[in-house]
Amino acid sequence: MDTHADSTESHTDTAILDVVLIGGGIMSATLGAMIAALQPDWTMVLLERLDRVAAESSDPWNNAGTGHSGFCELNYMPNAGDPSKSAEIASMFALSRQLWAGLADRGMLPDPSFVTATPHMDVVFGERDVTYLRRRFETLRALPAFSAMEYSEDPGVIARWAPLLMDGREPGEPVAATRYEGGTDVDFGALTASLVAAMTGAGGQQRTGHEVTGLRRGDDGIWTVTGRDRNSRQRFTIRARFVFVGAGGYALKLLQKARIPEVRGYGVFPVGAQFLRTDNPDVVARHEAKVYSQALVGAPPMSVPHLDKRIVDGESSLLFGPYATFSTRLLKHGRLTDLFTTLRTSNIVSLVAAGLQNLPLVRYLIRELLSTRRRKFAQLQRFYPDADPADWYLVQAGQRAQLVKPDPDRLGVLTMGTELVTGADGTIAGLLGASPGASTAPAIMADLLNRCFPQQHSQWESTLRELMPGYADGSNSQSAGALPDVPVAIGK
C-alpha cells in the first residue's frame, strides 16, 4: 500500500464478508475467536483505528486487571443481604475462564499466562462498615461459589494476608477483611492479542490503522462500512452481512451513524481515571492481593478504591486508585470534540435529566479534579499507612464512556454497567458502557450469538457447551453455584 497515497484515493473490497468487527479491544477479539471456533469458514475482518490492538481500555495499564468475579467488589452488593449481582458476575466470569480453557484445549490460545493467581480481598474500617462486611460475608458464604471465602476482624490475620494494610496502623481501630485465595489478575492486553491471533489463525483478517467513519445498510440488507487508512490516507469500503461495534467510547457515535432506532435517546458521559503506581520491588513483594474497599460518599461505583498487585509482561507493580479525571474525549487516544459528536436532539433531554439526578457525582468529579497530589496520597495512606511518597507516581488510565439511557419516568438515567444493543434485524450489534465488561466478555458475546444468529445457533450450541460447560442457551441464567469450575492453567 502506498504510504503517500492521497486522501481522495479509495479501496473497495469486492467480496461481501460475513462479519466485520469494529474496534480491536477485548469484546471484538472475544467475538472473533468464538466465531472462528464455531464457523471457521466464515470470512471476517477486524478494524482498529490505532496501530495495534488492545491499545485503549483493554491495555493492561488502562484498567485494573481484576478478574471481576464478585468476591471483592462491594459496589455489586450495596445491600449486604442481596447477593444476586455478585452471583451473576461470578457466573459470567466462570464462563470466561471456561472459554479461555476451551480455546486453549483446541490449540487456539497459548498457555494462558495472561491470568495470574492473585487473592481478592476487601478491607473496611469503622464499626458501620465492619458490620456491613460481616453480614455480606455471611450472605455470600451460603452460595457454593463463595464457600471458600474467608473473613477476619483480627489485625494479625489481616496482616498475614496483606502486610501493607496493617503496617503503621494505629491500634484499636475497627477493621475487617474478607479474602478469596482463588482470585485472579488478568492482563487483558495480552489476552486480547491472543484472541485476535486465534481469529486470524483461522483465516480472519486484522487491519490496524483503519478508522471507521460511516455505516450504512443497503436495501439488500448488506452493510457498507467506510473509513480511512490512517497510515496511507486511503479511503476504504467494506461490505458485510453482520457488523459488531466494539469500539469502546466510540461505539455510540458509530451506532448513531448506522441509524438504528435502538440507540435513539442514548447518550454518554465520559469519565477517566488516574492511578498511583509503584515498581519498588521491596514494596511490591509484600503485597500479593487485590484489595478493594468502600467508595467515598457521593462517588460513583467505578471509583471504588483498591490497592492492586499487577503483573504485566512478567513484571510486578502495585496500583492504587482510581482518581477520577474528566475530558470530552471518549477514548484515551480520542479527540476533544468526541463528546459533542454524540449529541442529538433525541438525547439532550436524557443527558440533562441524568446530570440533574447525579449532582453528587458532579460534585465528586469537581472535587477530584481540584484534588492535590498530597490529598490523593492521603487516600493511599488510608490503605497503606507507611506508604512513602517517593515510591509512587501518577499514571493516566483509560477513558470510559458511561451510558445514559432514556427513561419514561426519570427522562434519563446514568448506568454504570455494560449494555449489548442489537438492531431489530440482528445484522448489527454494539456494546455500550464500561466495567465489568472485559471480565464478562464471553457471556456477553454468547448472548449476542443467540440474539443475532438464531438460525445458526442450534448448530453451534453443542460446540458452545464444549467450550463453556456452564453455558445455558446463551442467556447466562444460571446461578453462580450451578456453574462447574473448569479452571484455566494459572501462572504463578
Protein backbone atom coordinates (compact mmCIF):
# COMPACT_ATOMS: atom_id res chain seq x y z
CA MET A 1 0.00 0.00 0.00
CA ASP A 2 1.38 3.42 -0.97
CA THR A 3 2.05 5.31 2.26
CA HIS A 4 1.98 8.60 0.31
CA ALA A 5 -1.41 7.99 -1.26
CA ASP A 6 -3.72 10.99 -1.47
CA SER A 7 -6.70 11.05 0.89
CA THR A 8 -9.07 11.09 -2.13
CA GLU A 9 -7.91 7.65 -3.26
CA SER A 10 -10.04 4.75 -2.16
CA HIS A 11 -10.04 0.99 -1.97
CA THR A 12 -13.18 -1.15 -2.10
CA ASP A 13 -13.27 -4.81 -1.14
CA THR A 14 -15.28 -6.53 -3.84
CA ALA A 15 -16.27 -9.59 -1.80
CA ILE A 16 -19.08 -9.42 0.72
CA LEU A 17 -17.72 -10.54 4.10
CA ASP A 18 -19.68 -12.46 6.68
CA VAL A 19 -18.52 -10.39 9.67
CA VAL A 20 -16.86 -7.03 10.30
CA LEU A 21 -15.62 -6.30 13.82
CA ILE A 22 -15.05 -2.61 14.59
CA GLY A 23 -12.57 -1.98 17.40
CA GLY A 24 -9.56 -4.01 18.46
CA GLY A 25 -10.41 -4.49 22.13
CA ILE A 26 -11.40 -7.47 24.25
CA MET A 27 -15.01 -7.53 23.00
CA SER A 28 -14.27 -7.76 19.27
CA ALA A 29 -11.41 -10.15 19.97
CA THR A 30 -13.64 -12.45 22.02
CA LEU A 31 -16.40 -12.49 19.41
CA GLY A 32 -13.89 -13.05 16.62
CA ALA A 33 -12.31 -16.02 18.39
CA MET A 34 -15.72 -17.53 19.22
CA ILE A 35 -16.92 -17.25 15.61
CA ALA A 36 -13.61 -18.70 14.40
CA ALA A 37 -14.24 -21.74 16.62
CA LEU A 38 -17.92 -22.06 15.68
CA GLN A 39 -17.84 -21.20 11.97
CA PRO A 40 -14.26 -21.28 10.66
CA ASP A 41 -15.39 -20.99 7.04
CA TRP A 42 -16.84 -17.52 7.57
CA THR A 43 -14.95 -14.51 6.20
CA MET A 44 -14.17 -11.94 8.87
CA VAL A 45 -12.14 -8.76 9.34
CA LEU A 46 -11.29 -6.74 12.45
CA LEU A 47 -10.75 -2.99 12.01
CA GLU A 48 -8.80 -1.00 14.62
CA ARG A 49 -8.10 2.74 14.31
CA LEU A 50 -4.79 2.64 16.24
CA ASP A 51 -1.60 0.87 15.17
CA ARG A 52 -2.16 -2.14 17.44
CA VAL A 53 -4.99 -4.00 19.09
CA ALA A 54 -5.74 -3.56 22.82
CA ALA A 55 -4.38 -0.02 22.85
CA GLU A 56 -7.37 1.56 24.62
CA SER A 57 -9.35 0.19 27.58
CA SER A 58 -8.00 -3.34 27.07
CA ASP A 59 -4.41 -2.19 27.51
CA PRO A 60 -3.22 -3.58 30.87
CA TRP A 61 -2.28 -0.13 32.18
CA ASN A 62 -5.65 1.33 31.20
CA ASN A 63 -7.68 -0.94 33.51
CA ALA A 64 -7.31 -2.52 36.94
CA GLY A 65 -6.84 -6.05 35.59
CA THR A 66 -9.24 -7.53 38.13
CA GLY A 67 -10.87 -10.76 37.05
CA HIS A 68 -14.24 -9.43 38.22
CA SER A 69 -15.95 -12.32 39.98
CA GLY A 70 -17.92 -10.66 42.77
CA PHE A 71 -15.54 -11.59 45.60
CA CYS A 72 -14.15 -8.12 46.28
CA GLU A 73 -16.42 -5.62 44.50
CA LEU A 74 -18.54 -4.13 47.26
CA ASN A 75 -20.43 -1.92 44.77
CA TYR A 76 -22.07 -5.06 43.35
CA MET A 77 -23.71 -5.65 46.72
CA PRO A 78 -24.81 -2.40 48.40
CA ASN A 79 -27.42 -4.45 50.27
CA ALA A 80 -25.41 -6.95 52.32
CA GLY A 81 -28.33 -9.37 52.25
CA ASP A 82 -28.78 -9.47 48.46
CA PRO A 83 -26.08 -11.49 46.64
CA SER A 84 -27.78 -11.57 43.23
CA LYS A 85 -25.43 -9.20 41.39
CA SER A 86 -22.29 -10.76 42.85
CA ALA A 87 -23.61 -14.21 41.95
CA GLU A 88 -24.37 -13.08 38.41
CA ILE A 89 -20.87 -11.66 37.92
CA ALA A 90 -19.31 -14.82 39.39
CA SER A 91 -21.29 -16.89 36.87
CA MET A 92 -20.18 -14.75 33.98
CA PHE A 93 -16.51 -14.80 34.97
CA ALA A 94 -16.69 -18.59 35.35
CA LEU A 95 -17.82 -18.70 31.71
CA SER A 96 -14.85 -16.52 30.76
CA ARG A 97 -12.38 -18.91 32.37
CA GLN A 98 -14.12 -21.85 30.73
CA LEU A 99 -13.90 -20.27 27.27
CA TRP A 100 -10.20 -19.48 27.67
CA ALA A 101 -9.55 -23.06 28.78
CA GLY A 102 -11.67 -24.44 25.94
CA LEU A 103 -9.84 -22.42 23.30
CA ALA A 104 -6.50 -23.43 24.83
CA ASP A 105 -7.53 -27.11 24.64
CA ARG A 106 -8.24 -26.63 20.93
CA GLY A 107 -4.83 -25.05 20.38
CA MET A 108 -6.35 -21.67 19.56
CA LEU A 109 -4.89 -19.92 22.64
CA PRO A 110 -1.38 -20.29 24.05
CA ASP A 111 -0.79 -21.33 27.64
CA PRO A 112 -2.82 -18.62 29.41
CA SER A 113 -0.04 -16.76 31.18
CA PHE A 114 -2.29 -13.68 30.95
CA VAL A 115 -4.04 -15.00 34.09
CA THR A 116 -2.11 -14.88 37.37
CA ALA A 117 -3.33 -16.22 40.71
CA THR A 118 -3.92 -13.18 42.94
CA PRO A 119 -6.15 -13.29 46.05
CA HIS A 120 -9.14 -10.97 46.08
CA MET A 121 -9.74 -9.08 49.32
CA ASP A 122 -11.95 -6.44 50.89
CA VAL A 123 -10.86 -4.25 53.78
CA VAL A 124 -13.11 -1.82 55.67
CA PHE A 125 -12.65 0.49 58.65
CA GLY A 126 -15.07 1.68 61.33
CA GLU A 127 -17.93 -0.08 63.09
CA ARG A 128 -20.56 0.59 60.43
CA ASP A 129 -18.55 -0.85 57.55
CA VAL A 130 -17.29 -3.76 59.67
CA THR A 131 -20.92 -4.68 60.41
CA TYR A 132 -21.74 -4.44 56.71
CA LEU A 133 -18.80 -6.60 55.63
CA ARG A 134 -19.57 -9.25 58.26
CA ARG A 135 -23.14 -9.54 57.01
CA ARG A 136 -22.02 -9.56 53.37
CA PHE A 137 -19.64 -12.41 54.11
CA GLU A 138 -22.33 -14.42 55.89
CA THR A 139 -24.69 -13.94 52.93
CA LEU A 140 -22.16 -14.89 50.26
CA ARG A 141 -20.71 -17.83 52.15
CA ALA A 142 -24.06 -19.63 51.79
CA LEU A 143 -23.53 -19.80 48.00
CA PRO A 144 -21.35 -22.67 46.72
CA ALA A 145 -19.27 -20.36 44.52
CA PHE A 146 -18.29 -18.26 47.57
CA SER A 147 -17.90 -21.01 50.17
CA ALA A 148 -14.07 -20.71 50.19
CA MET A 149 -14.11 -17.03 51.12
CA GLU A 150 -12.54 -16.17 54.50
CA TYR A 151 -13.37 -13.40 56.98
CA SER A 152 -11.43 -11.85 59.86
CA GLU A 153 -11.52 -8.90 62.24
CA ASP A 154 -8.16 -9.92 63.72
CA PRO A 155 -5.41 -7.40 62.79
CA GLY A 156 -2.82 -10.17 62.99
CA VAL A 157 -4.65 -12.33 60.46
CA ILE A 158 -5.23 -9.38 58.13
CA ALA A 159 -1.51 -8.52 58.42
CA ARG A 160 -0.63 -12.04 57.27
CA TRP A 161 -2.98 -11.74 54.31
CA ALA A 162 -1.76 -8.28 53.24
CA PRO A 163 1.06 -6.82 55.40
CA LEU A 164 0.96 -3.32 53.89
CA LEU A 165 -2.59 -2.80 55.13
CA MET A 166 -1.55 -3.02 58.77
CA ASP A 167 1.98 -1.57 58.72
CA GLY A 168 1.94 1.64 60.78
CA ARG A 169 -1.78 1.47 61.55
CA GLU A 170 -2.96 2.88 64.90
CA PRO A 171 -4.10 0.07 67.22
CA GLY A 172 -7.73 -0.14 68.27
CA GLU A 173 -9.34 0.99 65.00
CA PRO A 174 -12.17 -1.39 63.97
CA VAL A 175 -11.05 -3.22 60.85
CA ALA A 176 -12.33 -6.25 58.94
CA ALA A 177 -11.34 -8.08 55.79
CA THR A 178 -12.51 -10.87 53.52
CA ARG A 179 -10.19 -12.94 51.35
CA TYR A 180 -10.63 -15.33 48.44
CA GLU A 181 -7.39 -17.07 47.58
CA GLY A 182 -8.58 -18.18 44.11
CA GLY A 183 -8.82 -14.65 42.70
CA THR A 184 -7.04 -13.53 39.55
CA ASP A 185 -5.12 -10.69 37.95
CA VAL A 186 -5.75 -10.61 34.18
CA ASP A 187 -3.58 -8.95 31.53
CA PHE A 188 -6.43 -8.10 29.18
CA GLY A 189 -3.99 -6.68 26.64
CA ALA A 190 -2.15 -9.97 26.24
CA LEU A 191 -5.47 -11.85 26.27
CA THR A 192 -6.89 -9.61 23.53
CA ALA A 193 -3.83 -10.09 21.32
CA SER A 194 -4.06 -13.87 21.80
CA LEU A 195 -7.76 -13.93 20.90
CA VAL A 196 -7.12 -11.86 17.77
CA ALA A 197 -4.33 -14.30 16.85
CA ALA A 198 -6.83 -17.15 17.26
CA MET A 199 -9.18 -15.39 14.86
CA THR A 200 -6.50 -14.67 12.24
CA GLY A 201 -5.12 -18.19 12.63
CA ALA A 202 -8.50 -19.46 11.45
CA GLY A 203 -8.44 -17.22 8.37
CA GLY A 204 -9.78 -13.91 9.68
CA GLN A 205 -8.07 -10.60 8.92
CA GLN A 206 -6.74 -7.89 11.21
CA ARG A 207 -6.34 -4.36 9.86
CA THR A 208 -4.86 -1.80 12.22
CA GLY A 209 -4.70 1.91 11.46
CA HIS A 210 -8.19 1.66 9.91
CA GLU A 211 -10.68 4.20 11.28
CA VAL A 212 -14.36 3.61 10.51
CA THR A 213 -16.29 6.79 9.72
CA GLY A 214 -19.51 5.51 8.17
CA LEU A 215 -22.05 2.68 8.45
CA ARG A 216 -25.00 2.24 6.09
CA ARG A 217 -27.31 -0.68 5.43
CA GLY A 218 -28.40 -1.15 1.84
CA ASP A 219 -31.78 -2.25 0.53
CA ASP A 220 -30.27 -5.71 0.07
CA GLY A 221 -29.58 -5.95 3.82
CA ILE A 222 -25.80 -5.70 3.37
CA TRP A 223 -23.85 -3.20 5.48
CA THR A 224 -21.37 -0.83 3.86
CA VAL A 225 -18.53 0.11 6.22
CA THR A 226 -16.47 3.11 5.14
CA GLY A 227 -13.44 4.80 6.62
CA ARG A 228 -9.83 5.71 6.09
CA ASP A 229 -6.46 4.08 6.50
CA ARG A 230 -4.66 6.45 8.87
CA ASN A 231 -1.26 5.38 7.53
CA SER A 232 -1.81 5.55 3.75
CA ARG A 233 -4.66 8.11 3.96
CA GLN A 234 -6.64 5.97 1.54
CA ARG A 235 -10.38 5.66 1.90
CA PHE A 236 -11.72 2.10 2.20
CA THR A 237 -15.09 0.45 1.73
CA ILE A 238 -16.06 -2.98 3.02
CA ARG A 239 -19.40 -4.75 2.68
CA ALA A 240 -20.59 -7.30 5.22
CA ARG A 241 -23.63 -9.26 6.29
CA PHE A 242 -23.05 -8.61 10.01
CA VAL A 243 -21.30 -5.79 11.88
CA PHE A 244 -20.24 -5.70 15.51
CA VAL A 245 -19.30 -2.34 17.01
CA GLY A 246 -16.89 -2.98 19.88
CA ALA A 247 -15.27 0.43 19.72
CA GLY A 248 -15.46 1.41 23.40
CA GLY A 249 -16.25 5.10 23.78
CA TYR A 250 -16.78 5.43 20.02
CA ALA A 251 -19.45 2.71 19.90
CA LEU A 252 -22.41 5.04 20.40
CA LYS A 253 -21.48 7.50 17.67
CA LEU A 254 -20.92 4.65 15.20
CA LEU A 255 -24.28 3.09 16.07
CA GLN A 256 -25.80 6.54 15.62
CA LYS A 257 -24.21 6.71 12.17
CA ALA A 258 -25.82 3.34 11.42
CA ARG A 259 -29.18 4.98 12.20
CA ILE A 260 -30.54 2.11 14.21
CA PRO A 261 -33.56 3.19 16.28
CA GLU A 262 -32.45 1.08 19.24
CA VAL A 263 -29.96 3.79 20.34
CA ARG A 264 -32.31 6.73 19.91
CA GLY A 265 -32.14 8.88 23.06
CA TYR A 266 -28.92 7.23 24.30
CA GLY A 267 -26.01 9.41 25.37
CA VAL A 268 -22.61 9.00 27.01
CA PHE A 269 -20.83 10.63 29.92
CA PRO A 270 -17.02 10.35 29.73
CA VAL A 271 -15.01 9.65 32.88
CA GLY A 272 -11.28 8.99 33.01
CA ALA A 273 -9.02 7.80 35.79
CA GLN A 274 -5.53 8.07 37.22
CA PHE A 275 -3.71 5.61 39.47
CA LEU A 276 -0.75 5.87 41.79
CA ARG A 277 1.82 3.25 40.80
CA THR A 278 4.96 1.86 42.39
CA ASP A 279 7.53 -0.51 40.93
CA ASN A 280 9.70 -0.61 44.08
CA PRO A 281 10.44 -4.36 44.37
CA ASP A 282 10.65 -4.24 48.17
CA VAL A 283 7.13 -2.79 48.40
CA VAL A 284 5.64 -4.89 45.60
CA ALA A 285 6.93 -8.15 47.11
CA ARG A 286 4.95 -7.55 50.31
CA HIS A 287 1.52 -7.26 48.66
CA GLU A 288 0.11 -10.33 46.94
CA ALA A 289 -3.53 -9.33 46.58
CA LYS A 290 -6.14 -7.10 45.01
CA VAL A 291 -7.71 -5.23 47.93
CA TYR A 292 -10.96 -3.29 47.46
CA SER A 293 -12.90 -1.10 49.90
CA GLN A 294 -15.90 1.22 50.08
CA ALA A 295 -16.24 4.19 47.73
CA LEU A 296 -16.28 7.68 49.18
CA VAL A 297 -19.71 9.19 49.86
CA GLY A 298 -21.12 10.59 46.60
CA ALA A 299 -18.53 8.79 44.48
CA PRO A 300 -19.63 6.60 41.54
CA PRO A 301 -19.33 2.81 41.81
CA MET A 302 -16.38 2.72 39.39
CA SER A 303 -14.40 4.85 41.88
CA VAL A 304 -14.19 2.08 44.50
CA PRO A 305 -10.62 2.42 45.87
CA HIS A 306 -8.34 -0.56 45.53
CA LEU A 307 -4.69 -1.46 46.07
CA ASP A 308 -3.77 -3.99 43.41
CA LYS A 309 -0.92 -6.30 42.54
CA ARG A 310 -0.46 -6.12 38.75
CA ILE A 311 1.59 -8.50 36.59
CA VAL A 312 2.25 -7.20 33.07
CA ASP A 313 4.81 -8.75 30.73
CA GLY A 314 6.12 -10.76 33.68
CA GLU A 315 6.88 -7.63 35.76
CA SER A 316 5.06 -6.84 39.02
CA SER A 317 3.80 -3.45 40.18
CA LEU A 318 1.23 -2.05 42.58
CA LEU A 319 -1.57 0.33 41.59
CA PHE A 320 -3.80 2.37 43.86
CA GLY A 321 -6.83 4.36 42.79
CA PRO A 322 -8.74 5.29 40.83
CA TYR A 323 -8.77 9.07 40.90
CA ALA A 324 -11.40 10.43 38.55
CA THR A 325 -10.47 12.72 35.66
CA PHE A 326 -12.66 14.38 33.06
CA SER A 327 -12.22 15.04 29.37
CA THR A 328 -14.56 15.39 26.43
CA ARG A 329 -12.54 12.66 24.70
CA LEU A 330 -14.38 9.34 24.54
CA LEU A 331 -11.16 7.37 24.11
CA LYS A 332 -7.77 7.91 25.70
CA HIS A 333 -6.39 8.46 22.20
CA GLY A 334 -9.52 10.25 21.02
CA ARG A 335 -10.33 13.86 20.15
CA LEU A 336 -11.58 16.72 22.33
CA THR A 337 -14.62 17.00 20.04
CA ASP A 338 -15.70 13.40 20.67
CA LEU A 339 -18.46 14.04 23.20
CA PHE A 340 -20.08 16.71 21.03
CA THR A 341 -20.27 14.37 18.02
CA THR A 342 -22.70 12.16 20.00
CA LEU A 343 -25.16 14.96 20.83
CA ARG A 344 -28.54 14.70 19.13
CA THR A 345 -31.89 16.40 19.66
CA SER A 346 -33.16 13.00 20.82
CA ASN A 347 -30.65 12.60 23.67
CA ILE A 348 -30.26 16.13 25.08
CA VAL A 349 -33.17 15.68 27.49
CA SER A 350 -31.80 12.32 28.69
CA LEU A 351 -28.36 13.81 29.32
CA VAL A 352 -29.66 16.87 31.18
CA ALA A 353 -32.02 14.76 33.31
CA ALA A 354 -29.26 12.29 34.19
CA GLY A 355 -26.96 15.16 35.14
CA LEU A 356 -29.53 16.75 37.44
CA GLN A 357 -30.15 13.39 39.13
CA ASN A 358 -26.42 12.87 39.71
CA LEU A 359 -25.33 16.15 41.25
CA PRO A 360 -23.31 14.28 43.93
CA LEU A 361 -21.35 12.68 41.08
CA VAL A 362 -20.76 16.09 39.51
CA ARG A 363 -19.54 17.46 42.85
CA TYR A 364 -17.31 14.40 43.29
CA LEU A 365 -15.73 14.92 39.87
CA ILE A 366 -15.09 18.60 40.58
CA ARG A 367 -13.51 17.69 43.92
CA GLU A 368 -11.33 15.06 42.26
CA LEU A 369 -10.22 17.45 39.53
CA LEU A 370 -9.20 20.01 42.14
CA SER A 371 -7.51 17.44 44.38
CA THR A 372 -3.81 17.92 45.08
CA ARG A 373 -1.23 15.15 44.94
CA ARG A 374 -0.97 15.32 48.74
CA ARG A 375 -4.69 14.71 49.11
CA LYS A 376 -4.55 11.83 46.65
CA PHE A 377 -1.66 10.31 48.54
CA ALA A 378 -3.63 10.59 51.80
CA GLN A 379 -6.22 8.23 50.28
CA LEU A 380 -3.48 5.69 49.63
CA GLN A 381 -2.30 6.04 53.23
CA ARG A 382 -5.79 5.08 54.42
CA PHE A 383 -4.95 1.67 52.91
CA TYR A 384 -1.19 1.67 53.44
CA PRO A 385 -0.25 4.00 56.35
CA ASP A 386 3.52 3.60 55.87
CA ALA A 387 3.48 4.44 52.14
CA ASP A 388 6.46 6.58 51.08
CA PRO A 389 5.60 9.31 48.52
CA ALA A 390 8.99 8.81 46.88
CA ASP A 391 7.94 5.31 45.77
CA TRP A 392 4.75 6.31 43.93
CA TYR A 393 3.95 8.20 40.73
CA LEU A 394 0.70 9.07 38.94
CA VAL A 395 -0.26 7.30 35.70
CA GLN A 396 -3.21 8.02 33.42
CA ALA A 397 -5.53 5.05 32.88
CA GLY A 398 -8.20 4.57 30.23
CA GLN A 399 -11.22 6.66 29.33
CA ARG A 400 -14.72 5.28 29.95
CA ALA A 401 -17.95 6.39 28.29
CA GLN A 402 -20.66 5.71 30.86
CA LEU A 403 -24.05 5.11 29.29
CA VAL A 404 -27.03 7.46 29.68
CA LYS A 405 -30.36 5.90 28.72
CA PRO A 406 -33.80 7.42 28.18
CA ASP A 407 -36.30 6.54 30.89
CA PRO A 408 -40.09 7.00 30.79
CA ASP A 409 -40.27 8.12 34.42
CA ARG A 410 -36.97 9.94 35.01
CA LEU A 411 -36.35 11.02 31.39
CA GLY A 412 -32.74 9.86 31.57
CA VAL A 413 -30.64 7.59 33.80
CA LEU A 414 -26.88 7.17 34.13
CA THR A 415 -25.87 3.49 34.15
CA MET A 416 -22.53 2.12 35.32
CA GLY A 417 -22.53 -1.28 33.65
CA THR A 418 -22.49 -2.53 30.07
CA GLU A 419 -25.35 -2.98 27.61
CA LEU A 420 -25.48 -5.05 24.45
CA VAL A 421 -27.54 -3.31 21.78
CA THR A 422 -28.72 -5.24 18.74
CA GLY A 423 -30.53 -3.96 15.68
CA ALA A 424 -34.03 -5.30 15.22
CA ASP A 425 -32.99 -7.46 12.28
CA GLY A 426 -29.93 -8.90 14.05
CA THR A 427 -27.43 -7.76 11.41
CA ILE A 428 -25.70 -5.22 13.67
CA ALA A 429 -24.83 -5.11 17.36
CA GLY A 430 -22.72 -2.98 19.64
CA LEU A 431 -21.58 -2.83 23.23
CA LEU A 432 -22.09 0.34 25.25
CA GLY A 433 -20.91 1.21 28.76
CA ALA A 434 -17.95 0.13 30.85
CA SER A 435 -16.95 -2.19 33.73
CA PRO A 436 -17.10 -5.14 34.28
CA GLY A 437 -17.27 -5.76 30.54
CA ALA A 438 -13.79 -7.18 29.95
CA SER A 439 -14.18 -9.90 32.59
CA THR A 440 -17.59 -10.91 31.31
CA ALA A 441 -16.98 -10.66 27.55
CA PRO A 442 -17.62 -14.36 26.73
CA ALA A 443 -21.04 -14.35 28.41
CA ILE A 444 -21.96 -11.11 26.61
CA MET A 445 -20.80 -12.46 23.27
CA ALA A 446 -22.67 -15.75 23.82
CA ASP A 447 -25.78 -13.62 24.33
CA LEU A 448 -25.01 -11.77 21.09
CA LEU A 449 -24.67 -15.02 19.14
CA ASN A 450 -28.01 -16.20 20.49
CA ARG A 451 -29.77 -12.94 19.61
CA CYS A 452 -28.19 -12.19 16.23
CA PHE A 453 -27.76 -15.66 14.72
CA PRO A 454 -30.87 -17.64 15.67
CA GLN A 455 -30.71 -19.83 12.54
CA GLN A 456 -27.12 -20.94 13.17
CA HIS A 457 -27.39 -21.07 16.94
CA SER A 458 -28.86 -24.57 17.13
CA GLN A 459 -25.87 -25.87 15.16
CA TRP A 460 -23.42 -24.00 17.40
CA GLU A 461 -24.89 -24.94 20.76
CA SER A 462 -23.02 -28.22 21.23
CA THR A 463 -19.67 -26.52 20.47
CA LEU A 464 -20.51 -23.65 22.83
CA ARG A 465 -21.21 -26.18 25.58
CA GLU A 466 -17.87 -27.88 24.90
CA LEU A 467 -16.07 -24.54 25.11
CA MET A 468 -18.09 -23.31 28.11
CA PRO A 469 -19.65 -26.18 30.12
CA GLY A 470 -21.67 -23.68 32.15
CA TYR A 471 -23.28 -22.21 29.05
CA ALA A 472 -27.09 -22.24 29.11
CA ASP A 473 -28.95 -21.25 25.93
CA GLY A 474 -26.89 -18.08 25.53
CA SER A 475 -28.74 -16.47 28.41
CA ASN A 476 -26.28 -16.94 31.27
CA SER A 477 -29.27 -17.58 33.51
CA GLN A 478 -27.65 -19.99 35.94
CA SER A 479 -26.65 -19.08 39.44
CA ALA A 480 -23.01 -18.86 40.43
CA GLY A 481 -23.24 -22.06 42.41
CA ALA A 482 -24.58 -24.02 39.43
CA LEU A 483 -21.52 -23.45 37.25
CA PRO A 484 -18.83 -26.13 37.25
CA ASP A 485 -15.35 -24.71 37.75
CA VAL A 486 -13.21 -25.51 34.70
CA PRO A 487 -10.02 -23.68 35.66
CA VAL A 488 -7.54 -22.10 33.32
CA ALA A 489 -3.93 -23.12 33.93
CA ILE A 490 -2.96 -20.20 36.13
CA GLY A 491 0.52 -18.74 36.10
CA LYS A 492 2.29 -18.07 39.39
